[in-house]
Every structure is written in C-alpha cells, then in structure tokens.
C-alpha atoms as a PDB file:
ATOM      1  CA  UNK A   1       0.477  26.163 -53.930  1.00  0.00           C
ATOM      2  CA  UNK A   2       2.424  28.959 -55.601  1.00  0.00           C
ATOM      3  CA  UNK A   3       5.897  28.537 -57.075  1.00  0.00           C
ATOM      4  CA  UNK A   4       7.330  30.620 -54.222  1.00  0.00           C
ATOM      5  CA  UNK A   5       5.612  28.439 -51.604  1.00  0.00           C
ATOM      6  CA  UNK A   6       6.792  25.316 -53.391  1.00  0.00           C
ATOM      7  CA  UNK A   7      10.350  26.670 -53.453  1.00  0.00           C
ATOM      8  CA  UNK A   8      10.189  27.426 -49.711  1.00  0.00           C
ATOM      9  CA  UNK A   9       8.858  23.924 -48.982  1.00  0.00           C
ATOM     10  CA  UNK A  10      11.580  22.297 -51.088  1.00  0.00           C
ATOM     11  CA  UNK A  11      14.212  24.496 -49.422  1.00  0.00           C
ATOM     12  CA  UNK A  12      13.007  23.582 -45.923  1.00  0.00           C
ATOM     13  CA  UNK A  13      13.047  19.868 -46.764  1.00  0.00           C
ATOM     14  CA  UNK A  14      16.510  19.835 -48.340  1.00  0.00           C
ATOM     15  CA  UNK A  15      18.319  22.888 -46.948  1.00  0.00           C
ATOM     16  CA  UNK A  16      18.813  22.017 -43.285  1.00  0.00           C
ATOM     17  CA  UNK A  17      21.999  22.915 -41.498  1.00  0.00           C
ATOM     18  CA  UNK A  18      23.651  20.476 -39.092  1.00  0.00           C
ATOM     19  CA  UNK A  19      21.959  22.262 -36.178  1.00  0.00           C
ATOM     20  CA  UNK A  20      18.577  21.272 -37.653  1.00  0.00           C
ATOM     21  CA  UNK A  21      17.562  24.832 -38.506  1.00  0.00           C
ATOM     22  CA  UNK A  22      16.537  25.712 -42.048  1.00  0.00           C
ATOM     23  CA  UNK A  23      18.883  27.974 -43.985  1.00  0.00           C
ATOM     24  CA  UNK A  24      17.565  31.487 -44.638  1.00  0.00           C
ATOM     25  CA  UNK A  25      16.192  32.145 -48.117  1.00  0.00           C
ATOM     26  CA  UNK A  26      18.747  33.587 -50.498  1.00  0.00           C
ATOM     27  CA  UNK A  27      18.517  35.659 -53.656  1.00  0.00           C
ATOM     28  CA  UNK A  28      19.366  32.541 -55.657  1.00  0.00           C
ATOM     29  CA  UNK A  29      15.967  31.104 -54.723  1.00  0.00           C
ATOM     30  CA  UNK A  30      14.253  34.008 -56.533  1.00  0.00           C
ATOM     31  CA  UNK A  31      16.886  34.416 -59.268  1.00  0.00           C
ATOM     32  CA  UNK A  32      17.917  37.819 -57.874  1.00  0.00           C
ATOM     33  CA  UNK A  33      14.478  39.319 -58.540  1.00  0.00           C
ATOM     34  CA  UNK A  34      12.424  40.812 -55.708  1.00  0.00           C
ATOM     35  CA  UNK A  35       9.664  38.477 -54.580  1.00  0.00           C
ATOM     36  CA  UNK A  36       6.223  39.402 -55.912  1.00  0.00           C
ATOM     37  CA  UNK A  37       3.526  39.828 -53.283  1.00  0.00           C
ATOM     38  CA  UNK A  38      -0.248  40.254 -53.467  1.00  0.00           C
ATOM     39  CA  UNK A  39      -1.709  43.378 -51.874  1.00  0.00           C
ATOM     40  CA  UNK A  40      -5.388  43.994 -51.151  1.00  0.00           C
ATOM     41  CA  UNK A  41      -6.439  47.641 -50.776  1.00  0.00           C
ATOM     42  CA  UNK A  42      -9.763  49.358 -50.191  1.00  0.00           C
ATOM     43  CA  UNK A  43     -10.240  52.664 -51.998  1.00  0.00           C
ATOM     44  CA  UNK A  44     -12.984  55.230 -52.272  1.00  0.00           C
ATOM     45  CA  UNK A  45     -13.124  57.169 -55.539  1.00  0.00           C
ATOM     46  CA  UNK A  46     -15.382  59.387 -57.635  1.00  0.00           C
ATOM     47  CA  UNK A  47     -16.738  57.950 -60.891  1.00  0.00           C
ATOM     48  CA  UNK A  48     -15.913  59.688 -64.162  1.00  0.00           C
ATOM     49  CA  UNK A  49     -17.328  59.276 -67.666  1.00  0.00           C
ATOM     50  CA  UNK A  50     -15.191  56.210 -68.500  1.00  0.00           C
ATOM     51  CA  UNK A  51     -16.518  54.158 -65.601  1.00  0.00           C
ATOM     52  CA  UNK A  52     -20.043  53.664 -66.926  1.00  0.00           C
ATOM     53  CA  UNK A  53     -21.426  54.714 -63.556  1.00  0.00           C
ATOM     54  CA  UNK A  54     -23.157  57.965 -62.563  1.00  0.00           C
ATOM     55  CA  UNK A  55     -20.571  60.740 -62.902  1.00  0.00           C
ATOM     56  CA  UNK A  56     -19.684  62.178 -59.531  1.00  0.00           C
ATOM     57  CA  UNK A  57     -20.895  59.123 -57.636  1.00  0.00           C
ATOM     58  CA  UNK A  58     -18.593  57.978 -54.881  1.00  0.00           C
ATOM     59  CA  UNK A  59     -17.830  54.232 -54.807  1.00  0.00           C
ATOM     60  CA  UNK A  60     -15.822  51.732 -52.808  1.00  0.00           C
ATOM     61  CA  UNK A  61     -13.287  49.820 -54.898  1.00  0.00           C
ATOM     62  CA  UNK A  62     -11.298  46.793 -53.770  1.00  0.00           C
ATOM     63  CA  UNK A  63      -7.952  46.772 -55.543  1.00  0.00           C
ATOM     64  CA  UNK A  64      -5.684  43.731 -55.783  1.00  0.00           C
ATOM     65  CA  UNK A  65      -2.153  44.492 -56.959  1.00  0.00           C
ATOM     66  CA  UNK A  66       0.960  42.370 -57.418  1.00  0.00           C
ATOM     67  CA  UNK A  67       4.198  44.148 -56.493  1.00  0.00           C
ATOM     68  CA  UNK A  68       7.417  43.562 -54.573  1.00  0.00           C
ATOM     69  CA  UNK A  69       6.511  46.059 -51.812  1.00  0.00           C
ATOM     70  CA  UNK A  70       3.435  47.943 -50.592  1.00  0.00           C
ATOM     71  CA  UNK A  71       4.533  51.418 -51.702  1.00  0.00           C
ATOM     72  CA  UNK A  72       4.797  50.521 -55.429  1.00  0.00           C
ATOM     73  CA  UNK A  73       1.512  48.578 -55.150  1.00  0.00           C
ATOM     74  CA  UNK A  74      -0.247  51.691 -53.860  1.00  0.00           C
ATOM     75  CA  UNK A  75       1.274  53.845 -56.612  1.00  0.00           C
ATOM     76  CA  UNK A  76       0.175  51.331 -59.283  1.00  0.00           C
ATOM     77  CA  UNK A  77      -3.332  51.247 -57.796  1.00  0.00           C
ATOM     78  CA  UNK A  78      -3.676  55.048 -57.939  1.00  0.00           C
ATOM     79  CA  UNK A  79      -2.375  55.092 -61.524  1.00  0.00           C
ATOM     80  CA  UNK A  80      -4.680  52.251 -62.606  1.00  0.00           C
ATOM     81  CA  UNK A  81      -7.757  53.856 -61.060  1.00  0.00           C
ATOM     82  CA  UNK A  82      -6.965  57.193 -62.685  1.00  0.00           C
ATOM     83  CA  UNK A  83      -6.453  55.522 -66.079  1.00  0.00           C
ATOM     84  CA  UNK A  84      -9.853  53.833 -65.852  1.00  0.00           C
ATOM     85  CA  UNK A  85     -11.768  57.050 -65.167  1.00  0.00           C
ATOM     86  CA  UNK A  86     -11.706  57.471 -61.403  1.00  0.00           C
ATOM     87  CA  UNK A  87     -10.777  60.650 -59.542  1.00  0.00           C
ATOM     88  CA  UNK A  88     -10.503  61.749 -55.927  1.00  0.00           C
ATOM     89  CA  UNK A  89      -9.042  58.397 -54.965  1.00  0.00           C
ATOM     90  CA  UNK A  90      -8.578  57.805 -51.259  1.00  0.00           C
ATOM     91  CA  UNK A  91      -7.008  54.641 -49.871  1.00  0.00           C
ATOM     92  CA  UNK A  92      -8.861  53.541 -46.741  1.00  0.00           C
ATOM     93  CA  UNK A  93      -6.780  50.499 -45.845  1.00  0.00           C
ATOM     94  CA  UNK A  94      -4.532  47.883 -47.342  1.00  0.00           C
ATOM     95  CA  UNK A  95      -2.425  44.884 -46.512  1.00  0.00           C
ATOM     96  CA  UNK A  96      -0.216  42.159 -47.891  1.00  0.00           C
ATOM     97  CA  UNK A  97      -2.305  38.999 -48.295  1.00  0.00           C
ATOM     98  CA  UNK A  98       0.426  36.816 -49.796  1.00  0.00           C
ATOM     99  CA  UNK A  99       0.280  33.242 -48.526  1.00  0.00           C
ATOM    100  CA  UNK A 100      -3.045  33.666 -46.750  1.00  0.00           C
ATOM    101  CA  UNK A 101      -5.917  31.198 -47.177  1.00  0.00           C
ATOM    102  CA  UNK A 102      -8.286  31.847 -50.073  1.00  0.00           C
ATOM    103  CA  UNK A 103     -10.882  34.544 -49.539  1.00  0.00           C
ATOM    104  CA  UNK A 104     -14.341  33.312 -48.531  1.00  0.00           C
ATOM    105  CA  UNK A 105     -16.186  35.890 -50.646  1.00  0.00           C
ATOM    106  CA  UNK A 106     -16.349  34.520 -54.201  1.00  0.00           C
ATOM    107  CA  UNK A 107     -16.069  37.915 -55.939  1.00  0.00           C
ATOM    108  CA  UNK A 108     -13.048  38.923 -53.839  1.00  0.00           C
ATOM    109  CA  UNK A 109     -11.399  35.530 -54.350  1.00  0.00           C
ATOM    110  CA  UNK A 110     -11.939  35.697 -58.131  1.00  0.00           C
ATOM    111  CA  UNK A 111     -10.424  39.197 -58.206  1.00  0.00           C
ATOM    112  CA  UNK A 112      -7.422  38.060 -56.168  1.00  0.00           C
ATOM    113  CA  UNK A 113      -6.844  35.142 -58.565  1.00  0.00           C
ATOM    114  CA  UNK A 114      -7.153  37.467 -61.560  1.00  0.00           C
ATOM    115  CA  UNK A 115      -4.580  39.821 -60.030  1.00  0.00           C
ATOM    116  CA  UNK A 116      -2.160  36.933 -59.494  1.00  0.00           C
ATOM    117  CA  UNK A 117      -2.499  36.042 -63.181  1.00  0.00           C
ATOM    118  CA  UNK A 118      -2.566  39.519 -64.725  1.00  0.00           C
ATOM    119  CA  UNK A 119      -0.879  41.723 -62.092  1.00  0.00           C
ATOM    120  CA  UNK A 120      -3.927  43.770 -61.052  1.00  0.00           C
ATOM    121  CA  UNK A 121      -7.672  43.560 -60.506  1.00  0.00           C
ATOM    122  CA  UNK A 122     -10.336  46.077 -59.511  1.00  0.00           C
ATOM    123  CA  UNK A 123     -13.648  45.154 -57.902  1.00  0.00           C
ATOM    124  CA  UNK A 124     -16.026  48.129 -57.987  1.00  0.00           C
ATOM    125  CA  UNK A 125     -18.959  48.173 -55.600  1.00  0.00           C
ATOM    126  CA  UNK A 126     -21.914  49.448 -57.657  1.00  0.00           C
ATOM    127  CA  UNK A 127     -23.814  50.992 -54.733  1.00  0.00           C
ATOM    128  CA  UNK A 128     -22.784  54.582 -54.137  1.00  0.00           C
ATOM    129  CA  UNK A 129     -21.368  55.550 -50.770  1.00  0.00           C
ATOM    130  CA  UNK A 130     -23.899  57.600 -48.844  1.00  0.00           C
ATOM    131  CA  UNK A 131     -22.879  61.132 -47.831  1.00  0.00           C
ATOM    132  CA  UNK A 132     -21.885  61.648 -44.235  1.00  0.00           C
ATOM    133  CA  UNK A 133     -23.940  64.112 -42.188  1.00  0.00           C
END
C-alpha cells in the first residue's frame, strides 16, 4: 500500500462527519504538494545511435512516468526518449494507472515499480515494428 493510499485509509477511518460521510481530501493531507500519479504510455519511436539497436529501426516502447497530471507526464516521456537516443516519437495511448492492481506481466510490473522509485522507466521492445503496406 502506498503512502497516499494509507493516508486515504486513515482519513476514511478517522475523518467521518456526523452524517457518516467521509470528509473530502484536503491539501493538508498532501502537504500542499500536488499528488504524484503513475502514468503508463505506449510509444513508437525510431532508434538512434545511442540506443544500441539498429539505427532507423522502429520500436514500441512502454513508458512509465510519475507526475501530478498526464500532460507533464507526456512531456517528460518525450524529453526522456529524446535524451536516450530516440527520434520520431509517437504516443499511441496512455493512461493513469495509479491505485490499480499490479500488472500481470512481470517486465511491465518491474518497470512500473522502478518508475515509482525513480520517477521514470522505459521498457523497449527489441523486435522492430513491421512496415505497414
């Protein structure tokens, strides 16, 4: 259980109003800082020299990013991919996975955990994406 989940649980157990409804979360619960969320995004990008893969090869990359909102998470993902040698980045889809059950795929789950610890994680699929006819 994360600190945020623990705080919500503690709040719901102790912060009930007389009507029986839980009080809404306040900024005091997060010390005035925006709540950090975990975003999972699927990108396609072209490998450059820094990647160690065939230059020009197109790959799928699963990006996990911690941010307060989706827009900054996407911006950080583009910047991180560019800094690690990728070009022609295209985001295919993405969503907030905060509070969801652990991922069943071990590689994805390990990347998500790494992102929660370090702020970001990239999982590059080694097989190149086939060209579309």
